PDB file of all heavy atoms in Angstrom:
ATOM      1  N   GLY A   1     -11.355  -3.801  23.661  1.00  0.00           N
ATOM      2  CA  GLY A   1     -11.378  -5.150  23.110  1.00  0.00           C
ATOM      3  C   GLY A   1     -10.104  -5.509  22.395  1.00  0.00           C
ATOM      4  O   GLY A   1      -9.339  -4.645  22.017  1.00  0.00           O
ATOM      5  N   ASP A   2      -9.955  -6.756  22.113  1.00  0.00           N
ATOM      6  CA  ASP A   2      -8.787  -7.294  21.415  1.00  0.00           C
ATOM      7  C   ASP A   2      -8.923  -6.865  19.943  1.00  0.00           C
ATOM      8  O   ASP A   2     -10.149  -7.036  19.344  1.00  0.00           O
ATOM      9  CB  ASP A   2      -8.582  -8.779  21.508  1.00  0.00           C
ATOM     10  CG  ASP A   2      -8.286  -9.263  22.916  1.00  0.00           C
ATOM     11  OD1 ASP A   2      -7.583  -8.438  23.608  1.00  0.00           O
ATOM     12  OD2 ASP A   2      -8.643 -10.294  23.291  1.00  0.00           O
ATOM     13  N   PRO A   3      -7.930  -6.545  19.215  1.00  0.00           N
ATOM     14  CA  PRO A   3      -8.040  -6.235  17.783  1.00  0.00           C
ATOM     15  C   PRO A   3      -8.313  -7.476  16.951  1.00  0.00           C
ATOM     16  O   PRO A   3      -7.920  -8.584  17.319  1.00  0.00           O
ATOM     17  CB  PRO A   3      -6.719  -5.660  17.460  1.00  0.00           C
ATOM     18  CG  PRO A   3      -5.740  -6.031  18.416  1.00  0.00           C
ATOM     19  CD  PRO A   3      -6.538  -6.418  19.684  1.00  0.00           C
ATOM     20  N   ARG A   4      -8.988  -7.275  15.841  1.00  0.00           N
ATOM     21  CA  ARG A   4      -9.179  -8.315  14.870  1.00  0.00           C
ATOM     22  C   ARG A   4      -8.726  -7.795  13.489  1.00  0.00           C
ATOM     23  O   ARG A   4      -8.831  -6.574  13.284  1.00  0.00           O
ATOM     24  CB  ARG A   4     -10.671  -8.627  14.670  1.00  0.00           C
ATOM     25  CG  ARG A   4     -11.379  -9.278  15.984  1.00  0.00           C
ATOM     26  CD  ARG A   4     -10.815 -10.714  16.180  1.00  0.00           C
ATOM     27  NE  ARG A   4     -11.494 -11.293  17.318  1.00  0.00           N
ATOM     28  CZ  ARG A   4     -11.095 -11.341  18.515  1.00  0.00           C
ATOM     29  NH1 ARG A   4      -9.969 -10.703  18.886  1.00  0.00           N
ATOM     30  NH2 ARG A   4     -11.729 -12.008  19.389  1.00  0.00           N
ATOM     31  N   ALA A   5      -8.231  -8.623  12.671  1.00  0.00           N
ATOM     32  CA  ALA A   5      -7.691  -8.126  11.403  1.00  0.00           C
ATOM     33  C   ALA A   5      -7.881  -9.223  10.279  1.00  0.00           C
ATOM     34  O   ALA A   5      -8.005 -10.341  10.565  1.00  0.00           O
ATOM     35  CB  ALA A   5      -6.160  -7.848  11.561  1.00  0.00           C
ATOM     36  N   ALA A   6      -7.680  -8.713   9.041  1.00  0.00           N
ATOM     37  CA  ALA A   6      -7.792  -9.634   7.863  1.00  0.00           C
ATOM     38  C   ALA A   6      -6.866  -8.976   6.907  1.00  0.00           C
ATOM     39  O   ALA A   6      -6.815  -7.761   6.796  1.00  0.00           O
ATOM     40  CB  ALA A   6      -9.104  -9.783   7.385  1.00  0.00           C
ATOM     41  N   MET A   7      -6.177  -9.813   6.150  1.00  0.00           N
ATOM     42  CA  MET A   7      -5.248  -9.316   5.054  1.00  0.00           C
ATOM     43  C   MET A   7      -5.156 -10.343   3.944  1.00  0.00           C
ATOM     44  O   MET A   7      -5.141 -11.535   4.196  1.00  0.00           O
ATOM     45  CB  MET A   7      -3.870  -9.057   5.583  1.00  0.00           C
ATOM     46  CG  MET A   7      -2.887  -8.536   4.629  1.00  0.00           C
ATOM     47  SD  MET A   7      -1.240  -8.298   5.249  1.00  0.00           S
ATOM     48  CE  MET A   7      -1.545  -6.724   6.111  1.00  0.00           C
ATOM     49  N   LEU A   8      -5.360  -9.797   2.767  1.00  0.00           N
ATOM     50  CA  LEU A   8      -5.218 -10.594   1.566  1.00  0.00           C
ATOM     51  C   LEU A   8      -3.934 -10.216   0.783  1.00  0.00           C
ATOM     52  O   LEU A   8      -3.601  -9.066   0.637  1.00  0.00           O
ATOM     53  CB  LEU A   8      -6.370 -10.400   0.734  1.00  0.00           C
ATOM     54  CG  LEU A   8      -7.710 -10.888   1.231  1.00  0.00           C
ATOM     55  CD1 LEU A   8      -8.934 -10.490   0.233  1.00  0.00           C
ATOM     56  CD2 LEU A   8      -7.797 -12.366   1.432  1.00  0.00           C
ATOM     57  N   SER A   9      -3.247 -11.352   0.350  1.00  0.00           N
ATOM     58  CA  SER A   9      -1.981 -11.011  -0.455  1.00  0.00           C
ATOM     59  C   SER A   9      -2.389 -10.693  -1.980  1.00  0.00           C
ATOM     60  O   SER A   9      -1.630 -10.075  -2.691  1.00  0.00           O
ATOM     61  CB  SER A   9      -1.070 -12.119  -0.387  1.00  0.00           C
ATOM     62  OG  SER A   9      -1.679 -13.339  -0.839  1.00  0.00           O
ATOM     63  N   GLY A  10      -3.584 -11.062  -2.354  1.00  0.00           N
ATOM     64  CA  GLY A  10      -4.021 -10.884  -3.708  1.00  0.00           C
ATOM     65  C   GLY A  10      -5.505 -10.623  -3.655  1.00  0.00           C
ATOM     66  O   GLY A  10      -6.269 -11.137  -2.795  1.00  0.00           O
ATOM     67  N   GLY A  11      -6.043  -9.729  -4.424  1.00  0.00           N
ATOM     68  CA  GLY A  11      -7.465  -9.366  -4.410  1.00  0.00           C
ATOM     69  C   GLY A  11      -7.725  -8.430  -3.310  1.00  0.00           C
ATOM     70  O   GLY A  11      -6.873  -7.797  -2.772  1.00  0.00           O
ATOM     71  N   GLN A  12      -9.039  -8.198  -3.138  1.00  0.00           N
ATOM     72  CA  GLN A  12      -9.597  -7.243  -2.285  1.00  0.00           C
ATOM     73  C   GLN A  12     -10.500  -7.874  -1.221  1.00  0.00           C
ATOM     74  O   GLN A  12     -11.190  -8.821  -1.485  1.00  0.00           O
ATOM     75  CB  GLN A  12     -10.364  -6.111  -2.955  1.00  0.00           C
ATOM     76  CG  GLN A  12      -9.477  -5.329  -3.950  1.00  0.00           C
ATOM     77  CD  GLN A  12     -10.232  -4.120  -4.500  1.00  0.00           C
ATOM     78  OE1 GLN A  12     -11.395  -3.924  -4.274  1.00  0.00           O
ATOM     79  NE2 GLN A  12      -9.556  -3.415  -5.360  1.00  0.00           N
ATOM     80  N   LEU A  13     -10.528  -7.313   0.071  1.00  0.00           N
ATOM     81  CA  LEU A  13     -11.420  -7.660   1.003  1.00  0.00           C
ATOM     82  C   LEU A  13     -12.870  -7.399   0.576  1.00  0.00           C
ATOM     83  O   LEU A  13     -13.109  -6.373   0.071  1.00  0.00           O
ATOM     84  CB  LEU A  13     -11.145  -6.993   2.340  1.00  0.00           C
ATOM     85  CG  LEU A  13      -9.867  -7.383   3.060  1.00  0.00           C
ATOM     86  CD1 LEU A  13      -9.593  -6.437   4.154  1.00  0.00           C
ATOM     87  CD2 LEU A  13      -9.957  -8.866   3.536  1.00  0.00           C
ATOM     88  N   SER A  14     -13.801  -8.372   0.814  1.00  0.00           N
ATOM     89  CA  SER A  14     -15.112  -8.116   0.495  1.00  0.00           C
ATOM     90  C   SER A  14     -15.844  -7.576   1.718  1.00  0.00           C
ATOM     91  O   SER A  14     -15.301  -7.585   2.792  1.00  0.00           O
ATOM     92  CB  SER A  14     -15.822  -9.455   0.126  1.00  0.00           C
ATOM     93  OG  SER A  14     -15.829 -10.301   1.288  1.00  0.00           O
ATOM     94  N   GLU A  15     -17.037  -7.029   1.468  1.00  0.00           N
ATOM     95  CA  GLU A  15     -17.885  -6.489   2.564  1.00  0.00           C
ATOM     96  C   GLU A  15     -18.153  -7.651   3.542  1.00  0.00           C
ATOM     97  O   GLU A  15     -18.216  -7.433   4.802  1.00  0.00           O
ATOM     98  CB  GLU A  15     -19.092  -5.818   2.095  1.00  0.00           C
ATOM     99  CG  GLU A  15     -19.948  -5.282   3.197  1.00  0.00           C
ATOM    100  CD  GLU A  15     -21.126  -4.525   2.747  1.00  0.00           C
ATOM    101  OE1 GLU A  15     -21.007  -3.360   2.399  1.00  0.00           O
ATOM    102  OE2 GLU A  15     -22.256  -5.083   2.649  1.00  0.00           O
ATOM    103  N   ASP A  16     -18.392  -8.843   3.047  1.00  0.00           N
ATOM    104  CA  ASP A  16     -18.681  -9.995   3.977  1.00  0.00           C
ATOM    105  C   ASP A  16     -17.525 -10.368   4.878  1.00  0.00           C
ATOM    106  O   ASP A  16     -17.730 -10.609   6.057  1.00  0.00           O
ATOM    107  CB  ASP A  16     -18.972 -11.271   3.108  1.00  0.00           C
ATOM    108  CG  ASP A  16     -20.320 -11.232   2.477  1.00  0.00           C
ATOM    109  OD1 ASP A  16     -21.244 -10.422   2.891  1.00  0.00           O
ATOM    110  OD2 ASP A  16     -20.559 -12.054   1.541  1.00  0.00           O
ATOM    111  N   GLN A  17     -16.355 -10.071   4.384  1.00  0.00           N
ATOM    112  CA  GLN A  17     -15.144 -10.305   5.250  1.00  0.00           C
ATOM    113  C   GLN A  17     -15.021  -9.241   6.307  1.00  0.00           C
ATOM    114  O   GLN A  17     -14.690  -9.546   7.417  1.00  0.00           O
ATOM    115  CB  GLN A  17     -13.860 -10.334   4.400  1.00  0.00           C
ATOM    116  CG  GLN A  17     -13.774 -11.554   3.572  1.00  0.00           C
ATOM    117  CD  GLN A  17     -12.689 -11.568   2.438  1.00  0.00           C
ATOM    118  OE1 GLN A  17     -12.611 -10.510   1.684  1.00  0.00           O
ATOM    119  NE2 GLN A  17     -11.824 -12.540   2.434  1.00  0.00           N
ATOM    120  N   ILE A  18     -15.409  -8.039   5.929  1.00  0.00           N
ATOM    121  CA  ILE A  18     -15.415  -6.895   6.934  1.00  0.00           C
ATOM    122  C   ILE A  18     -16.519  -7.216   7.942  1.00  0.00           C
ATOM    123  O   ILE A  18     -16.342  -6.965   9.189  1.00  0.00           O
ATOM    124  CB  ILE A  18     -15.610  -5.517   6.217  1.00  0.00           C
ATOM    125  CG1 ILE A  18     -14.481  -5.298   5.232  1.00  0.00           C
ATOM    126  CG2 ILE A  18     -15.630  -4.430   7.241  1.00  0.00           C
ATOM    127  CD1 ILE A  18     -13.097  -5.201   5.792  1.00  0.00           C
ATOM    128  N   ILE A  19     -17.640  -7.612   7.527  1.00  0.00           N
ATOM    129  CA  ILE A  19     -18.746  -7.970   8.399  1.00  0.00           C
ATOM    130  C   ILE A  19     -18.371  -9.025   9.451  1.00  0.00           C
ATOM    131  O   ILE A  19     -18.695  -8.903  10.585  1.00  0.00           O
ATOM    132  CB  ILE A  19     -20.073  -8.335   7.629  1.00  0.00           C
ATOM    133  CG1 ILE A  19     -20.690  -6.996   6.985  1.00  0.00           C
ATOM    134  CG2 ILE A  19     -21.028  -9.048   8.490  1.00  0.00           C
ATOM    135  CD1 ILE A  19     -21.756  -7.369   6.017  1.00  0.00           C
ATOM    136  N   ARG A  20     -17.631 -10.024   8.963  1.00  0.00           N
ATOM    137  CA  ARG A  20     -17.213 -11.077   9.896  1.00  0.00           C
ATOM    138  C   ARG A  20     -16.303 -10.532  10.953  1.00  0.00           C
ATOM    139  O   ARG A  20     -16.340 -10.917  12.101  1.00  0.00           O
ATOM    140  CB  ARG A  20     -16.458 -12.286   9.165  1.00  0.00           C
ATOM    141  CG  ARG A  20     -17.402 -13.226   8.479  1.00  0.00           C
ATOM    142  CD  ARG A  20     -16.698 -14.505   8.007  1.00  0.00           C
ATOM    143  NE  ARG A  20     -15.880 -14.299   6.908  1.00  0.00           N
ATOM    144  CZ  ARG A  20     -16.175 -14.214   5.642  1.00  0.00           C
ATOM    145  NH1 ARG A  20     -17.426 -14.491   5.255  1.00  0.00           N
ATOM    146  NH2 ARG A  20     -15.269 -13.982   4.679  1.00  0.00           N
ATOM    147  N   ILE A  21     -15.477  -9.647  10.646  1.00  0.00           N
ATOM    148  CA  ILE A  21     -14.533  -9.015  11.531  1.00  0.00           C
ATOM    149  C   ILE A  21     -15.299  -8.172  12.609  1.00  0.00           C
ATOM    150  O   ILE A  21     -15.130  -8.295  13.782  1.00  0.00           O
ATOM    151  CB  ILE A  21     -13.459  -8.102  10.982  1.00  0.00           C
ATOM    152  CG1 ILE A  21     -12.487  -9.034  10.113  1.00  0.00           C
ATOM    153  CG2 ILE A  21     -12.651  -7.307  11.936  1.00  0.00           C
ATOM    154  CD1 ILE A  21     -11.572  -8.257   9.177  1.00  0.00           C
ATOM    155  N   LEU A  22     -16.220  -7.313  12.095  1.00  0.00           N
ATOM    156  CA  LEU A  22     -17.105  -6.548  12.979  1.00  0.00           C
ATOM    157  C   LEU A  22     -17.915  -7.454  13.895  1.00  0.00           C
ATOM    158  O   LEU A  22     -18.057  -7.118  15.111  1.00  0.00           O
ATOM    159  CB  LEU A  22     -18.010  -5.661  12.088  1.00  0.00           C
ATOM    160  CG  LEU A  22     -17.390  -4.592  11.256  1.00  0.00           C
ATOM    161  CD1 LEU A  22     -18.389  -3.853  10.417  1.00  0.00           C
ATOM    162  CD2 LEU A  22     -16.569  -3.567  12.126  1.00  0.00           C
ATOM    163  N   ASP A  23     -18.474  -8.551  13.409  1.00  0.00           N
ATOM    164  CA  ASP A  23     -19.209  -9.429  14.128  1.00  0.00           C
ATOM    165  C   ASP A  23     -18.378 -10.083  15.291  1.00  0.00           C
ATOM    166  O   ASP A  23     -18.786 -10.289  16.443  1.00  0.00           O
ATOM    167  CB  ASP A  23     -19.904 -10.540  13.335  1.00  0.00           C
ATOM    168  CG  ASP A  23     -21.015 -10.026  12.487  1.00  0.00           C
ATOM    169  OD1 ASP A  23     -21.340  -8.841  12.539  1.00  0.00           O
ATOM    170  OD2 ASP A  23     -21.600 -10.878  11.677  1.00  0.00           O
ATOM    171  N   GLU A  24     -17.112 -10.476  15.011  1.00  0.00           N
ATOM    172  CA  GLU A  24     -16.231 -10.945  15.982  1.00  0.00           C
ATOM    173  C   GLU A  24     -15.877  -9.916  17.071  1.00  0.00           C
ATOM    174  O   GLU A  24     -15.811 -10.228  18.254  1.00  0.00           O
ATOM    175  CB  GLU A  24     -14.860 -11.413  15.343  1.00  0.00           C
ATOM    176  CG  GLU A  24     -15.019 -12.692  14.466  1.00  0.00           C
ATOM    177  CD  GLU A  24     -13.665 -13.019  13.761  1.00  0.00           C
ATOM    178  OE1 GLU A  24     -12.635 -12.425  14.065  1.00  0.00           O
ATOM    179  OE2 GLU A  24     -13.755 -13.888  12.929  1.00  0.00           O
ATOM    180  N   LEU A  25     -15.670  -8.681  16.575  1.00  0.00           N
ATOM    181  CA  LEU A  25     -15.487  -7.612  17.626  1.00  0.00           C
ATOM    182  C   LEU A  25     -16.638  -7.386  18.463  1.00  0.00           C
ATOM    183  O   LEU A  25     -16.602  -7.298  19.743  1.00  0.00           O
ATOM    184  CB  LEU A  25     -15.175  -6.332  16.850  1.00  0.00           C
ATOM    185  CG  LEU A  25     -13.801  -6.224  16.159  1.00  0.00           C
ATOM    186  CD1 LEU A  25     -13.755  -5.067  15.216  1.00  0.00           C
ATOM    187  CD2 LEU A  25     -12.661  -6.275  17.095  1.00  0.00           C
ATOM    188  N   ILE A  26     -17.877  -7.427  17.929  1.00  0.00           N
ATOM    189  CA  ILE A  26     -19.116  -7.184  18.709  1.00  0.00           C
ATOM    190  C   ILE A  26     -19.346  -8.350  19.661  1.00  0.00           C
ATOM    191  O   ILE A  26     -19.745  -8.238  20.762  1.00  0.00           O
ATOM    192  CB  ILE A  26     -20.281  -6.990  17.720  1.00  0.00           C
ATOM    193  CG1 ILE A  26     -20.117  -5.607  17.070  1.00  0.00           C
ATOM    194  CG2 ILE A  26     -21.601  -7.019  18.578  1.00  0.00           C
ATOM    195  CD1 ILE A  26     -20.972  -5.437  15.926  1.00  0.00           C
ATOM    196  N   ALA A  27     -18.996  -9.604  19.231  1.00  0.00           N
ATOM    197  CA  ALA A  27     -19.084 -10.787  20.123  1.00  0.00           C
ATOM    198  C   ALA A  27     -18.242 -10.668  21.247  1.00  0.00           C
ATOM    199  O   ALA A  27     -18.499 -11.277  22.319  1.00  0.00           O
ATOM    200  CB  ALA A  27     -18.852 -12.003  19.314  1.00  0.00           C
TER     201      ALA A  27
END
């Protein structure tokens, strides 16, 4: 599959943001 990614310049990624990426990968 195509890779998916998220990056924040400030703060931390939340579990919800990781879940969105996983859901996109699964889709």
